[in-house]
Amino acid sequence: MNTKSKTLRQLKKMIDGPLTMSDILLATRKSKELSQSDMGKLLGTSKQNICNIEKRRTFLSPELAAKYAKKLDESEKQFIRISLQDLLIRHNLPYEVHLEVA
């Protein structure tokens, strides 16, 4: 089974509301069977930062979301869209993000 299928299965188990970058990074990390420390090394950040993202104490900028998507071989468009959606949710703004390539 490929990693993307594992990631989707992990997400389906975890989601209880809107999809967030926290959900995606946690599911991706678990599907790749990585520790927070290993994930941090892969993404060029610390274990603490991975923990803070997974616990929703830190939010990703669209730029950083794109960088992480590339390093994880995931959809850059989806990572950017969800990072922007996270900002709207965080500020209680009732909008939905849709992206188109310019």
Foldseek 3Di string as FASTA:
>chain_A
DDLVVQLVVQLVVPDDDDDAVLSNLVSSCVSVVHQLQRLCVLLVHHSVVNVCSNVVVDADALVSQLSSCVSSVHDSLVSSQRSVVVVCVVVVHPDHDDDDDD
